[in-house]
């Protein structure tokens, strides 16, 4: 990894970590979202960008409009240099959400209908 990439990676990790340190809305947190987006767009290896973006997606409070908009801004800025990676991360995240929703729905159904599975197995 080229020296500049190591520095950018360390900076990106630190920016990502600091985002949680500030309340929403704040100028500092808005700056961190922008800075992270710009830093991730600077030519880091795609796998490193992917990990940091997924981490950001998982720790975001989507009920907070400021954070939601901050993530959108970060992803938009990052996409200027990493569009394939950003699209891939969004696709992965969507699939994981669908999988967790399906497993939640199956679990909720089982709680509501505990005997249905057992009785259907016994009827065979």
PDB file of N, CA and C in Angstrom:
ATOM      1  N   UNK A   1       0.852  -1.168   0.000  1.00  0.00           N
ATOM      2  CA  UNK A   1       0.000   0.000   0.000  1.00  0.00           C
ATOM      3  C   UNK A   1       0.904   1.239   0.000  1.00  0.00           C
ATOM      4  N   UNK A   2       0.700   2.152  -0.925  1.00  0.00           N
ATOM      5  CA  UNK A   2       1.512   3.364  -0.972  1.00  0.00           C
ATOM      6  C   UNK A   2       1.373   4.174   0.310  1.00  0.00           C
ATOM      7  N   UNK A   3       2.404   4.933   0.625  1.00  0.00           N
ATOM      8  CA  UNK A   3       2.441   5.683   1.878  1.00  0.00           C
ATOM      9  C   UNK A   3       1.236   6.620   2.028  1.00  0.00           C
ATOM     10  N   UNK A   4       0.867   7.330   0.983  1.00  0.00           N
ATOM     11  CA  UNK A   4      -0.272   8.234   1.036  1.00  0.00           C
ATOM     12  C   UNK A   4      -1.563   7.515   1.358  1.00  0.00           C
ATOM     13  N   UNK A   5      -1.686   6.278   0.885  1.00  0.00           N
ATOM     14  CA  UNK A   5      -2.884   5.491   1.156  1.00  0.00           C
ATOM     15  C   UNK A   5      -2.977   5.121   2.632  1.00  0.00           C
ATOM     16  N   UNK A   6      -1.840   4.804   3.245  1.00  0.00           N
ATOM     17  CA  UNK A   6      -1.849   4.470   4.674  1.00  0.00           C
ATOM     18  C   UNK A   6      -2.312   5.661   5.503  1.00  0.00           C
ATOM     19  N   UNK A   7      -1.830   6.827   5.152  1.00  0.00           N
ATOM     20  CA  UNK A   7      -2.216   8.042   5.859  1.00  0.00           C
ATOM     21  C   UNK A   7      -3.705   8.308   5.671  1.00  0.00           C
ATOM     22  N   UNK A   8      -4.183   8.173   4.453  1.00  0.00           N
ATOM     23  CA  UNK A   8      -5.611   8.385   4.171  1.00  0.00           C
ATOM     24  C   UNK A   8      -6.475   7.364   4.895  1.00  0.00           C
ATOM     25  N   UNK A   9      -6.008   6.132   4.974  1.00  0.00           N
ATOM     26  CA  UNK A   9      -6.757   5.091   5.669  1.00  0.00           C
ATOM     27  C   UNK A   9      -6.836   5.403   7.163  1.00  0.00           C
ATOM     28  N   UNK A  10      -5.730   5.788   7.768  1.00  0.00           N
ATOM     29  CA  UNK A  10      -5.741   6.143   9.195  1.00  0.00           C
ATOM     30  C   UNK A  10      -6.668   7.327   9.447  1.00  0.00           C
ATOM     31  N   UNK A  11      -6.599   8.325   8.572  1.00  0.00           N
ATOM     32  CA  UNK A  11      -7.460   9.497   8.711  1.00  0.00           C
ATOM     33  C   UNK A  11      -8.930   9.095   8.573  1.00  0.00           C
ATOM     34  N   UNK A  12      -9.243   8.265   7.602  1.00  0.00           N
ATOM     35  CA  UNK A  12     -10.624   7.815   7.389  1.00  0.00           C
ATOM     36  C   UNK A  12     -11.153   7.069   8.610  1.00  0.00           C
ATOM     37  N   UNK A  13     -10.341   6.184   9.167  1.00  0.00           N
ATOM     38  CA  UNK A  13     -10.753   5.434  10.354  1.00  0.00           C
ATOM     39  C   UNK A  13     -11.027   6.380  11.520  1.00  0.00           C
ATOM     40  N   UNK A  14     -10.163   7.353  11.696  1.00  0.00           N
ATOM     41  CA  UNK A  14     -10.338   8.295  12.801  1.00  0.00           C
ATOM     42  C   UNK A  14     -11.572   9.168  12.603  1.00  0.00           C
ATOM     43  N   UNK A  15     -11.785   9.643  11.388  1.00  0.00           N
ATOM     44  CA  UNK A  15     -12.989  10.438  11.105  1.00  0.00           C
ATOM     45  C   UNK A  15     -14.241   9.618  11.388  1.00  0.00           C
ATOM     46  N   UNK A  16     -14.240   8.364  10.935  1.00  0.00           N
ATOM     47  CA  UNK A  16     -15.373   7.467  11.142  1.00  0.00           C
ATOM     48  C   UNK A  16     -15.628   7.263  12.637  1.00  0.00           C
ATOM     49  N   UNK A  17     -14.564   7.099  13.412  1.00  0.00           N
ATOM     50  CA  UNK A  17     -14.709   6.908  14.856  1.00  0.00           C
ATOM     51  C   UNK A  17     -15.216   8.172  15.547  1.00  0.00           C
ATOM     52  N   UNK A  18     -14.764   9.332  15.105  1.00  0.00           N
ATOM     53  CA  UNK A  18     -15.124  10.593  15.761  1.00  0.00           C
ATOM     54  C   UNK A  18     -16.571  11.004  15.525  1.00  0.00           C
ATOM     55  N   UNK A  19     -17.179  10.524  14.450  1.00  0.00           N
ATOM     56  CA  UNK A  19     -18.558  10.906  14.138  1.00  0.00           C
ATOM     57  C   UNK A  19     -19.483  10.636  15.324  1.00  0.00           C
ATOM     58  N   UNK A  20     -19.268   9.530  16.016  1.00  0.00           N
ATOM     59  CA  UNK A  20     -20.122   9.176  17.154  1.00  0.00           C
ATOM     60  C   UNK A  20     -19.900  10.082  18.362  1.00  0.00           C
ATOM     61  N   UNK A  21     -18.806  10.817  18.381  1.00  0.00           N
ATOM     62  CA  UNK A  21     -18.471  11.655  19.525  1.00  0.00           C
ATOM     63  C   UNK A  21     -19.265  12.952  19.590  1.00  0.00           C
ATOM     64  N   UNK A  22     -19.955  13.298  18.524  1.00  0.00           N
ATOM     65  CA  UNK A  22     -20.654  14.579  18.469  1.00  0.00           C
ATOM     66  C   UNK A  22     -22.157  14.375  18.357  1.00  0.00           C
ATOM     67  N   UNK A  23     -22.886  15.269  19.003  1.00  0.00           N
ATOM     68  CA  UNK A  23     -24.346  15.237  18.928  1.00  0.00           C
ATOM     69  C   UNK A  23     -24.812  15.780  17.589  1.00  0.00           C
ATOM     70  N   UNK A  24     -26.017  15.386  17.233  1.00  0.00           N
ATOM     71  CA  UNK A  24     -26.638  15.893  16.011  1.00  0.00           C
ATOM     72  C   UNK A  24     -27.667  16.941  16.402  1.00  0.00           C
ATOM     73  N   UNK A  25     -27.837  17.951  15.675  1.00  0.00           N
ATOM     74  CA  UNK A  25     -26.934  18.441  14.631  1.00  0.00           C
ATOM     75  C   UNK A  25     -25.799  19.257  15.244  1.00  0.00           C
ATOM     76  N   UNK A  26     -24.662  19.222  14.606  1.00  0.00           N
ATOM     77  CA  UNK A  26     -23.540  20.068  15.014  1.00  0.00           C
ATOM     78  C   UNK A  26     -22.660  20.334  13.808  1.00  0.00           C
ATOM     79  N   UNK A  27     -22.004  21.461  13.829  1.00  0.00           N
ATOM     80  CA  UNK A  27     -21.081  21.800  12.744  1.00  0.00           C
ATOM     81  C   UNK A  27     -19.958  20.782  12.658  1.00  0.00           C
ATOM     82  N   UNK A  28     -19.491  20.327  13.822  1.00  0.00           N
ATOM     83  CA  UNK A  28     -18.382  19.373  13.855  1.00  0.00           C
ATOM     84  C   UNK A  28     -18.762  18.051  13.192  1.00  0.00           C
ATOM     85  N   UNK A  29     -19.944  17.571  13.521  1.00  0.00           N
ATOM     86  CA  UNK A  29     -20.378  16.296  12.946  1.00  0.00           C
ATOM     87  C   UNK A  29     -20.603  16.436  11.443  1.00  0.00           C
ATOM     88  N   UNK A  30     -21.175  17.549  11.014  1.00  0.00           N
ATOM     89  CA  UNK A  30     -21.342  17.803   9.585  1.00  0.00           C
ATOM     90  C   UNK A  30     -20.007  17.831   8.867  1.00  0.00           C
ATOM     91  N   UNK A  31     -19.012  18.462   9.499  1.00  0.00           N
ATOM     92  CA  UNK A  31     -17.670  18.499   8.929  1.00  0.00           C
ATOM     93  C   UNK A  31     -17.100  17.094   8.801  1.00  0.00           C
ATOM     94  N   UNK A  32     -17.289  16.269   9.832  1.00  0.00           N
ATOM     95  CA  UNK A  32     -16.739  14.914   9.815  1.00  0.00           C
ATOM     96  C   UNK A  32     -17.337  14.073   8.692  1.00  0.00           C
ATOM     97  N   UNK A  33     -18.640  14.201   8.468  1.00  0.00           N
ATOM     98  CA  UNK A  33     -19.259  13.465   7.361  1.00  0.00           C
ATOM     99  C   UNK A  33     -18.648  13.890   6.021  1.00  0.00           C
ATOM    100  N   UNK A  34     -18.475  15.189   5.839  1.00  0.00           N
ATOM    101  CA  UNK A  34     -17.885  15.694   4.583  1.00  0.00           C
ATOM    102  C   UNK A  34     -16.437  15.230   4.437  1.00  0.00           C
ATOM    103  N   UNK A  35     -15.676  15.396   5.506  1.00  0.00           N
ATOM    104  CA  UNK A  35     -14.256  15.027   5.462  1.00  0.00           C
ATOM    105  C   UNK A  35     -14.091  13.534   5.188  1.00  0.00           C
ATOM    106  N   UNK A  36     -14.935  12.712   5.797  1.00  0.00           N
ATOM    107  CA  UNK A  36     -14.858  11.269   5.555  1.00  0.00           C
ATOM    108  C   UNK A  36     -15.156  10.956   4.095  1.00  0.00           C
ATOM    109  N   UNK A  37     -16.179  11.570   3.540  1.00  0.00           N
ATOM    110  CA  UNK A  37     -16.508  11.343   2.134  1.00  0.00           C
ATOM    111  C   UNK A  37     -15.370  11.720   1.204  1.00  0.00           C
ATOM    112  N   UNK A  38     -14.782  12.891   1.432  1.00  0.00           N
ATOM    113  CA  UNK A  38     -13.652  13.332   0.604  1.00  0.00           C
ATOM    114  C   UNK A  38     -12.454  12.399   0.755  1.00  0.00           C
ATOM    115  N   UNK A  39     -12.168  12.007   1.993  1.00  0.00           N
ATOM    116  CA  UNK A  39     -11.001  11.156   2.244  1.00  0.00           C
ATOM    117  C   UNK A  39     -11.168   9.781   1.615  1.00  0.00           C
ATOM    118  N   UNK A  40     -12.352   9.216   1.717  1.00  0.00           N
ATOM    119  CA  UNK A  40     -12.588   7.899   1.123  1.00  0.00           C
ATOM    120  C   UNK A  40     -12.533   7.924  -0.402  1.00  0.00           C
ATOM    121  N   UNK A  41     -12.792   9.070  -0.983  1.00  0.00           N
ATOM    122  CA  UNK A  41     -12.767   9.196  -2.451  1.00  0.00           C
ATOM    123  C   UNK A  41     -11.364   9.316  -3.010  1.00  0.00           C
ATOM    124  N   UNK A  42     -10.360   9.442  -2.153  1.00  0.00           N
ATOM    125  CA  UNK A  42      -9.008   9.780  -2.606  1.00  0.00           C
ATOM    126  C   UNK A  42      -8.169   8.640  -3.135  1.00  0.00           C
ATOM    127  N   UNK A  43      -8.768   7.522  -3.430  1.00  0.00           N
ATOM    128  CA  UNK A  43      -7.984   6.459  -4.056  1.00  0.00           C
ATOM    129  C   UNK A  43      -7.534   5.373  -3.115  1.00  0.00           C
ATOM    130  N   UNK A  44      -8.195   5.234  -1.980  1.00  0.00           N
ATOM    131  CA  UNK A  44      -7.901   4.101  -1.111  1.00  0.00           C
ATOM    132  C   UNK A  44      -8.320   2.820  -1.814  1.00  0.00           C
ATOM    133  N   UNK A  45      -7.794   1.707  -1.353  1.00  0.00           N
ATOM    134  CA  UNK A  45      -8.182   0.423  -1.920  1.00  0.00           C
ATOM    135  C   UNK A  45      -9.663   0.184  -1.650  1.00  0.00           C
ATOM    136  N   UNK A  46     -10.345  -0.362  -2.626  1.00  0.00           N
ATOM    137  CA  UNK A  46     -11.795  -0.542  -2.559  1.00  0.00           C
ATOM    138  C   UNK A  46     -12.228  -1.350  -1.339  1.00  0.00           C
ATOM    139  N   UNK A  47     -11.476  -2.388  -0.971  1.00  0.00           N
ATOM    140  CA  UNK A  47     -11.881  -3.212   0.168  1.00  0.00           C
ATOM    141  C   UNK A  47     -11.826  -2.440   1.480  1.00  0.00           C
ATOM    142  N   UNK A  48     -10.890  -1.515   1.600  1.00  0.00           N
ATOM    143  CA  UNK A  48     -10.787  -0.681   2.807  1.00  0.00           C
ATOM    144  C   UNK A  48     -11.951   0.308   2.861  1.00  0.00           C
ATOM    145  N   UNK A  49     -12.277   0.890   1.729  1.00  0.00           N
ATOM    146  CA  UNK A  49     -13.403   1.822   1.645  1.00  0.00           C
ATOM    147  C   UNK A  49     -14.690   1.088   1.983  1.00  0.00           C
ATOM    148  N   UNK A  50     -14.843  -0.107   1.461  1.00  0.00           N
ATOM    149  CA  UNK A  50     -16.036  -0.911   1.711  1.00  0.00           C
ATOM    150  C   UNK A  50     -16.251  -1.143   3.201  1.00  0.00           C
ATOM    151  N   UNK A  51     -15.208  -1.531   3.900  1.00  0.00           N
ATOM    152  CA  UNK A  51     -15.309  -1.802   5.337  1.00  0.00           C
ATOM    153  C   UNK A  51     -15.738  -0.548   6.099  1.00  0.00           C
ATOM    154  N   UNK A  52     -15.125   0.581   5.777  1.00  0.00           N
ATOM    155  CA  UNK A  52     -15.455   1.820   6.483  1.00  0.00           C
ATOM    156  C   UNK A  52     -16.875   2.292   6.180  1.00  0.00           C
ATOM    157  N   UNK A  53     -17.306   2.152   4.949  1.00  0.00           N
ATOM    158  CA  UNK A  53     -18.669   2.560   4.605  1.00  0.00           C
ATOM    159  C   UNK A  53     -19.708   1.658   5.275  1.00  0.00           C
ATOM    160  N   UNK A  54     -19.459   0.365   5.280  1.00  0.00           N
ATOM    161  CA  UNK A  54     -20.386  -0.549   5.959  1.00  0.00           C
ATOM    162  C   UNK A  54     -20.455  -0.248   7.452  1.00  0.00           C
ATOM    163  N   UNK A  55     -19.309   0.029   8.045  1.00  0.00           N
ATOM    164  CA  UNK A  55     -19.280   0.388   9.464  1.00  0.00           C
ATOM    165  C   UNK A  55     -20.138   1.630   9.712  1.00  0.00           C
ATOM    166  N   UNK A  56     -19.994   2.611   8.847  1.00  0.00           N
ATOM    167  CA  UNK A  56     -20.782   3.836   8.972  1.00  0.00           C
ATOM    168  C   UNK A  56     -22.277   3.534   8.844  1.00  0.00           C
ATOM    169  N   UNK A  57     -22.640   2.709   7.891  1.00  0.00           N
ATOM    170  CA  UNK A  57     -24.055   2.369   7.694  1.00  0.00           C
ATOM    171  C   UNK A  57     -24.643   1.662   8.913  1.00  0.00           C
ATOM    172  N   UNK A  58     -23.876   0.773   9.511  1.00  0.00           N
ATOM    173  CA  UNK A  58     -24.392   0.003  10.636  1.00  0.00           C
ATOM    174  C   UNK A  58     -24.500   0.819  11.913  1.00  0.00           C
ATOM    175  N   UNK A  59     -23.682   1.845  12.076  1.00  0.00           N
ATOM    176  CA  UNK A  59     -23.733   2.599  13.324  1.00  0.00           C
ATOM    177  C   UNK A  59     -24.593   3.861  13.229  1.00  0.00           C
ATOM    178  N   UNK A  60     -25.182   4.124  12.088  1.00  0.00           N
ATOM    179  CA  UNK A  60     -25.976   5.334  11.905  1.00  0.00           C
ATOM    180  C   UNK A  60     -27.358   5.188  12.522  1.00  0.00           C
ATOM    181  N   UNK A  61     -27.810   6.263  13.165  1.00  0.00           N
ATOM    182  CA  UNK A  61     -29.163   6.333  13.703  1.00  0.00           C
ATOM    183  C   UNK A  61     -30.060   6.910  12.613  1.00  0.00           C
ATOM    184  N   UNK A  62     -30.816   6.041  11.950  1.00  0.00           N
ATOM    185  CA  UNK A  62     -31.626   6.472  10.810  1.00  0.00           C
ATOM    186  C   UNK A  62     -32.873   7.244  11.206  1.00  0.00           C
ATOM    187  N   UNK A  63     -33.167   7.297  12.490  1.00  0.00           N
ATOM    188  CA  UNK A  63     -34.286   8.119  12.940  1.00  0.00           C
ATOM    189  C   UNK A  63     -33.873   9.580  13.097  1.00  0.00           C
ATOM    190  N   UNK A  64     -32.586   9.839  13.018  1.00  0.00           N
ATOM    191  CA  UNK A  64     -32.052  11.199  13.129  1.00  0.00           C
ATOM    192  C   UNK A  64     -31.791  11.744  11.727  1.00  0.00           C
ATOM    193  N   UNK A  65     -32.585  12.721  11.308  1.00  0.00           N
ATOM    194  CA  UNK A  65     -32.465  13.273   9.947  1.00  0.00           C
ATOM    195  C   UNK A  65     -31.072  13.817   9.653  1.00  0.00           C
ATOM    196  N   UNK A  66     -30.434  14.419  10.645  1.00  0.00           N
ATOM    197  CA  UNK A  66     -29.102  14.982  10.437  1.00  0.00           C
ATOM    198  C   UNK A  66     -28.107  13.881  10.090  1.00  0.00           C
ATOM    199  N   UNK A  67     -28.148  12.776  10.839  1.00  0.00           N
ATOM    200  CA  UNK A  67     -27.239  11.659  10.563  1.00  0.00           C
ATOM    201  C   UNK A  67     -27.552  11.022   9.220  1.00  0.00           C
ATOM    202  N   UNK A  68     -28.815  10.857   8.924  1.00  0.00           N
ATOM    203  CA  UNK A  68     -29.250  10.286   7.640  1.00  0.00           C
ATOM    204  C   UNK A  68     -28.684  11.114   6.492  1.00  0.00           C
ATOM    205  N   UNK A  69     -28.847  12.434   6.582  1.00  0.00           N
ATOM    206  CA  UNK A  69     -28.339  13.319   5.537  1.00  0.00           C
ATOM    207  C   UNK A  69     -26.814  13.329   5.504  1.00  0.00           C
ATOM    208  N   UNK A  70     -26.184  13.188   6.666  1.00  0.00           N
ATOM    209  CA  UNK A  70     -24.721  13.119   6.718  1.00  0.00           C
ATOM    210  C   UNK A  70     -24.182  11.899   5.996  1.00  0.00           C
ATOM    211  N   UNK A  71     -24.839  10.773   6.179  1.00  0.00           N
ATOM    212  CA  UNK A  71     -24.421   9.543   5.491  1.00  0.00           C
ATOM    213  C   UNK A  71     -24.615   9.702   3.985  1.00  0.00           C
ATOM    214  N   UNK A  72     -25.731  10.286   3.583  1.00  0.00           N
ATOM    215  CA  UNK A  72     -25.975  10.506   2.157  1.00  0.00           C
ATOM    216  C   UNK A  72     -24.886  11.405   1.568  1.00  0.00           C
ATOM    217  N   UNK A  73     -24.547  12.471   2.277  1.00  0.00           N
ATOM    218  CA  UNK A  73     -23.503  13.377   1.823  1.00  0.00           C
ATOM    219  C   UNK A  73     -22.161  12.662   1.725  1.00  0.00           C
ATOM    220  N   UNK A  74     -21.828  11.895   2.754  1.00  0.00           N
ATOM    221  CA  UNK A  74     -20.567  11.143   2.767  1.00  0.00           C
ATOM    222  C   UNK A  74     -20.493  10.187   1.582  1.00  0.00           C
ATOM    223  N   UNK A  75     -21.556   9.439   1.347  1.00  0.00           N
ATOM    224  CA  UNK A  75     -21.573   8.480   0.241  1.00  0.00           C
ATOM    225  C   UNK A  75     -21.480   9.186  -1.111  1.00  0.00           C
ATOM    226  N   UNK A  76     -22.160  10.319  -1.230  1.00  0.00           N
ATOM    227  CA  UNK A  76     -22.106  11.076  -2.478  1.00  0.00           C
ATOM    228  C   UNK A  76     -20.707  11.580  -2.778  1.00  0.00           C
ATOM    229  N   UNK A  77     -20.038  12.104  -1.756  1.00  0.00           N
ATOM    230  CA  UNK A  77     -18.673  12.599  -1.939  1.00  0.00           C
ATOM    231  C   UNK A  77     -17.713  11.449  -2.221  1.00  0.00           C
ATOM    232  N   UNK A  78     -17.891  10.349  -1.518  1.00  0.00           N
ATOM    233  CA  UNK A  78     -17.042   9.176  -1.729  1.00  0.00           C
ATOM    234  C   UNK A  78     -17.204   8.634  -3.144  1.00  0.00           C
ATOM    235  N   UNK A  79     -18.435   8.649  -3.648  1.00  0.00           N
ATOM    236  CA  UNK A  79     -18.716   8.095  -4.977  1.00  0.00           C
ATOM    237  C   UNK A  79     -17.974   8.844  -6.082  1.00  0.00           C
ATOM    238  N   UNK A  80     -17.559  10.068  -5.831  1.00  0.00           N
ATOM    239  CA  UNK A  80     -16.819  10.818  -6.851  1.00  0.00           C
ATOM    240  C   UNK A  80     -15.540  10.093  -7.258  1.00  0.00           C
ATOM    241  N   UNK A  81     -14.967   9.314  -6.343  1.00  0.00           N
ATOM    242  CA  UNK A  81     -13.752   8.570  -6.664  1.00  0.00           C
ATOM    243  C   UNK A  81     -13.892   7.070  -6.510  1.00  0.00           C
ATOM    244  N   UNK A  82     -15.019   6.623  -5.963  1.00  0.00           N
ATOM    245  CA  UNK A  82     -15.196   5.203  -5.649  1.00  0.00           C
ATOM    246  C   UNK A  82     -16.610   4.718  -5.987  1.00  0.00           C
ATOM    247  N   UNK A  83     -17.117   5.107  -7.134  1.00  0.00           N
ATOM    248  CA  UNK A  83     -18.526   4.831  -7.450  1.00  0.00           C
ATOM    249  C   UNK A  83     -18.862   3.345  -7.429  1.00  0.00           C
ATOM    250  N   UNK A  84     -18.024   2.493  -7.964  1.00  0.00           N
ATOM    251  CA  UNK A  84     -18.310   1.051  -7.967  1.00  0.00           C
ATOM    252  C   UNK A  84     -18.348   0.500  -6.551  1.00  0.00           C
ATOM    253  N   UNK A  85     -17.444   0.956  -5.727  1.00  0.00           N
ATOM    254  CA  UNK A  85     -17.404   0.499  -4.336  1.00  0.00           C
ATOM    255  C   UNK A  85     -18.646   0.954  -3.582  1.00  0.00           C
ATOM    256  N   UNK A  86     -19.026   2.214  -3.757  1.00  0.00           N
ATOM    257  CA  UNK A  86     -20.212   2.741  -3.083  1.00  0.00           C
ATOM    258  C   UNK A  86     -21.455   1.967  -3.501  1.00  0.00           C
ATOM    259  N   UNK A  87     -21.610   1.722  -4.784  1.00  0.00           N
ATOM    260  CA  UNK A  87     -22.769   0.962  -5.264  1.00  0.00           C
ATOM    261  C   UNK A  87     -22.762  -0.459  -4.712  1.00  0.00           C
ATOM    262  N   UNK A  88     -21.597  -1.071  -4.657  1.00  0.00           N
ATOM    263  CA  UNK A  88     -21.474  -2.416  -4.107  1.00  0.00           C
ATOM    264  C   UNK A  88     -21.833  -2.468  -2.626  1.00  0.00           C
ATOM    265  N   UNK A  89     -21.382  -1.482  -1.872  1.00  0.00           N
ATOM    266  CA  UNK A  89     -21.690  -1.424  -0.438  1.00  0.00           C
ATOM    267  C   UNK A  89     -23.190  -1.253  -0.227  1.00  0.00           C
ATOM    268  N   UNK A  90     -23.803  -0.373  -0.989  1.00  0.00           N
ATOM    269  CA  UNK A  90     -25.243  -0.167  -0.854  1.00  0.00           C
ATOM    270  C   UNK A  90     -26.022  -1.430  -1.202  1.00  0.00           C
ATOM    271  N   UNK A  91     -25.575  -2.137  -2.222  1.00  0.00           N
ATOM    272  CA  UNK A  91     -26.212  -3.402  -2.607  1.00  0.00           C
ATOM    273  C   UNK A  91     -26.068  -4.434  -1.484  1.00  0.00           C
ATOM    274  N   UNK A  92     -24.856  -4.582  -0.939  1.00  0.00           N
ATOM    275  CA  UNK A  92     -24.619  -5.518   0.169  1.00  0.00           C
ATOM    276  C   UNK A  92     -25.491  -5.177   1.372  1.00  0.00           C
ATOM    277  N   UNK A  93     -25.537  -3.904   1.709  1.00  0.00           N
ATOM    278  CA  UNK A  93     -26.305  -3.451   2.867  1.00  0.00           C
ATOM    279  C   UNK A  93     -27.785  -3.765   2.675  1.00  0.00           C
ATOM    280  N   UNK A  94     -28.295  -3.516   1.467  1.00  0.00           N
ATOM    281  CA  UNK A  94     -29.697  -3.808   1.173  1.00  0.00           C
ATOM    282  C   UNK A  94     -29.986  -5.302   1.330  1.00  0.00           C
ATOM    283  N   UNK A  95     -29.088  -6.146   0.822  1.00  0.00           N
ATOM    284  CA  UNK A  95     -29.287  -7.592   0.940  1.00  0.00           C
ATOM    285  C   UNK A  95     -29.292  -8.036   2.401  1.00  0.00           C
ATOM    286  N   UNK A  96     -28.380  -7.466   3.193  1.00  0.00           N
ATOM    287  CA  UNK A  96     -28.318  -7.841   4.611  1.00  0.00           C
ATOM    288  C   UNK A  96     -29.570  -7.394   5.350  1.00  0.00           C
ATOM    289  N   UNK A  97     -30.097  -6.241   5.004  1.00  0.00           N
ATOM    290  CA  UNK A  97     -31.337  -5.770   5.629  1.00  0.00           C
ATOM    291  C   UNK A  97     -32.482  -6.706   5.268  1.00  0.00           C
ATOM    292  N   UNK A  98     -32.566  -7.100   4.002  1.00  0.00           N
ATOM    293  CA  UNK A  98     -33.637  -8.008   3.576  1.00  0.00           C
ATOM    294  C   UNK A  98     -33.527  -9.351   4.288  1.00  0.00           C
ATOM    295  N   UNK A  99     -32.302  -9.854   4.435  1.00  0.00           N
ATOM    296  CA  UNK A  99     -32.102 -11.126   5.138  1.00  0.00           C
ATOM    297  C   UNK A  99     -32.530 -11.011   6.592  1.00  0.00           C
ATOM    298  N   UNK A 100     -32.169  -9.913   7.249  1.00  0.00           N
ATOM    299  CA  UNK A 100     -32.527  -9.760   8.661  1.00  0.00           C
ATOM    300  C   UNK A 100     -34.023  -9.554   8.812  1.00  0.00           C
ATOM    301  N   UNK A 101     -34.661  -8.850   7.875  1.00  0.00           N
ATOM    302  CA  UNK A 101     -36.113  -8.687   7.921  1.00  0.00           C
ATOM    303  C   UNK A 101     -36.801 -10.024   7.745  1.00  0.00           C
ATOM    304  N   UNK A 102     -36.307 -10.839   6.820  1.00  0.00           N
ATOM    305  CA  UNK A 102     -36.915 -12.142   6.593  1.00  0.00           C
ATOM    306  C   UNK A 102     -36.752 -13.028   7.818  1.00  0.00           C
ATOM    307  N   UNK A 103     -35.561 -13.017   8.436  1.00  0.00           N
ATOM    308  CA  UNK A 103     -35.361 -13.857   9.616  1.00  0.00           C
ATOM    309  C   UNK A 103     -36.194 -13.345  10.782  1.00  0.00           C
ATOM    310  N   UNK A 104     -36.375 -12.019  10.883  1.00  0.00           N
ATOM    311  CA  UNK A 104     -37.232 -11.467  11.923  1.00  0.00           C
ATOM    312  C   UNK A 104     -38.679 -11.886  11.688  1.00  0.00           C
ATOM    313  N   UNK A 105     -39.118 -11.818  10.447  1.00  0.00           N
ATOM    314  CA  UNK A 105     -40.501 -12.190  10.129  1.00  0.00           C
ATOM    315  C   UNK A 105     -40.749 -13.662  10.410  1.00  0.00           C
ATOM    316  N   UNK A 106     -39.793 -14.510  10.072  1.00  0.00           N
ATOM    317  CA  UNK A 106     -39.933 -15.946  10.336  1.00  0.00           C
ATOM    318  C   UNK A 106     -39.982 -16.179  11.839  1.00  0.00           C
ATOM    319  N   UNK A 107     -39.100 -15.516  12.585  1.00  0.00           N
ATOM    320  CA  UNK A 107     -39.082 -15.650  14.038  1.00  0.00           C
ATOM    321  C   UNK A 107     -40.377 -15.161  14.661  1.00  0.00           C
ATOM    322  N   UNK A 108     -40.905 -14.047  14.190  1.00  0.00           N
ATOM    323  CA  UNK A 108     -42.161 -13.501  14.716  1.00  0.00           C
ATOM    324  C   UNK A 108     -43.320 -14.448  14.396  1.00  0.00           C
ATOM    325  N   UNK A 109     -43.316 -15.032  13.210  1.00  0.00           N
ATOM    326  CA  UNK A 109     -44.364 -15.978  12.832  1.00  0.00           C
ATOM    327  C   UNK A 109     -44.319 -17.205  13.741  1.00  0.00           C
ATOM    328  N   UNK A 110     -43.117 -17.689  14.021  1.00  0.00           N
ATOM    329  CA  UNK A 110     -42.968 -18.868  14.882  1.00  0.00           C
ATOM    330  C   UNK A 110     -43.479 -18.588  16.290  1.00  0.00           C
ATOM    331  N   UNK A 111     -43.245 -17.376  16.790  1.00  0.00           N
ATOM    332  CA  UNK A 111     -43.727 -17.024  18.117  1.00  0.00           C
ATOM    333  C   UNK A 111     -45.252 -17.014  18.141  1.00  0.00           C
ATOM    334  N   UNK A 112     -45.866 -16.480  17.097  1.00  0.00           N
ATOM    335  CA  UNK A 112     -47.326 -16.390  17.030  1.00  0.00           C
ATOM    336  C   UNK A 112     -47.979 -17.739  16.737  1.00  0.00           C
ATOM    337  N   UNK A 113     -47.251 -18.630  16.055  1.00  0.00           N
ATOM    338  CA  UNK A 113     -47.810 -19.928  15.649  1.00  0.00           C
ATOM    339  C   UNK A 113     -46.877 -21.069  16.069  1.00  0.00           C
ATOM    340  N   UNK A 114     -46.628 -21.231  17.357  1.00  0.00           N
ATOM    341  CA  UNK A 114     -45.639 -22.224  17.789  1.00  0.00           C
ATOM    342  C   UNK A 114     -46.018 -23.669  17.464  1.00  0.00           C
ATOM    343  N   UNK A 115     -47.281 -23.982  17.443  1.00  0.00           N
ATOM    344  CA  UNK A 115     -47.698 -25.366  17.191  1.00  0.00           C
ATOM    345  C   UNK A 115     -47.833 -25.688  15.716  1.00  0.00           C
ATOM    346  N   UNK A 116     -47.867 -24.681  14.868  1.00  0.00           N
ATOM    347  CA  UNK A 116     -48.086 -24.903  13.435  1.00  0.00           C
ATOM    348  C   UNK A 116     -46.999 -25.757  12.822  1.00  0.00           C
ATOM    349  N   UNK A 117     -45.771 -25.483  13.188  1.00  0.00           N
ATOM    350  CA  UNK A 117     -44.653 -26.234  12.599  1.00  0.00           C
ATOM    351  C   UNK A 117     -44.681 -27.668  13.128  1.00  0.00           C
ATOM    352  N   UNK A 118     -44.853 -27.808  14.427  1.00  0.00           N
ATOM    353  CA  UNK A 118     -44.867 -29.139  15.040  1.00  0.00           C
ATOM    354  C   UNK A 118     -46.041 -29.961  14.501  1.00  0.00           C
ATOM    355  N   UNK A 119     -47.226 -29.361  14.427  1.00  0.00           N
ATOM    356  CA  UNK A 119     -48.385 -30.124  13.962  1.00  0.00           C
ATOM    357  C   UNK A 119     -48.257 -30.480  12.480  1.00  0.00           C
ATOM    358  N   UNK A 120     -47.664 -29.602  11.700  1.00  0.00           N
ATOM    359  CA  UNK A 120     -47.511 -29.923  10.284  1.00  0.00           C
ATOM    360  C   UNK A 120     -46.477 -31.031  10.094  1.00  0.00           C
ATOM    361  N   UNK A 121     -45.467 -31.093  10.976  1.00  0.00           N
ATOM    362  CA  UNK A 121     -44.491 -32.178  10.876  1.00  0.00           C
ATOM    363  C   UNK A 121     -45.117 -33.504  11.305  1.00  0.00           C
ATOM    364  N   UNK A 122     -45.980 -33.447  12.329  1.00  0.00           N
ATOM    365  CA  UNK A 122     -46.631 -34.664  12.813  1.00  0.00           C
ATOM    366  C   UNK A 122     -47.682 -35.201  11.842  1.00  0.00           C
ATOM    367  N   UNK A 123     -48.227 -34.340  11.023  1.00  0.00           N
ATOM    368  CA  UNK A 123     -49.282 -34.753  10.091  1.00  0.00           C
ATOM    369  C   UNK A 123     -48.748 -35.501   8.898  1.00  0.00           C
ATOM    370  N   UNK A 124     -47.449 -35.425   8.669  1.00  0.00           N
ATOM    371  CA  UNK A 124     -46.859 -36.059   7.478  1.00  0.00           C
ATOM    372  C   UNK A 124     -46.837 -37.554   7.590  1.00  0.00           C
TER     373      UNK A 124
END
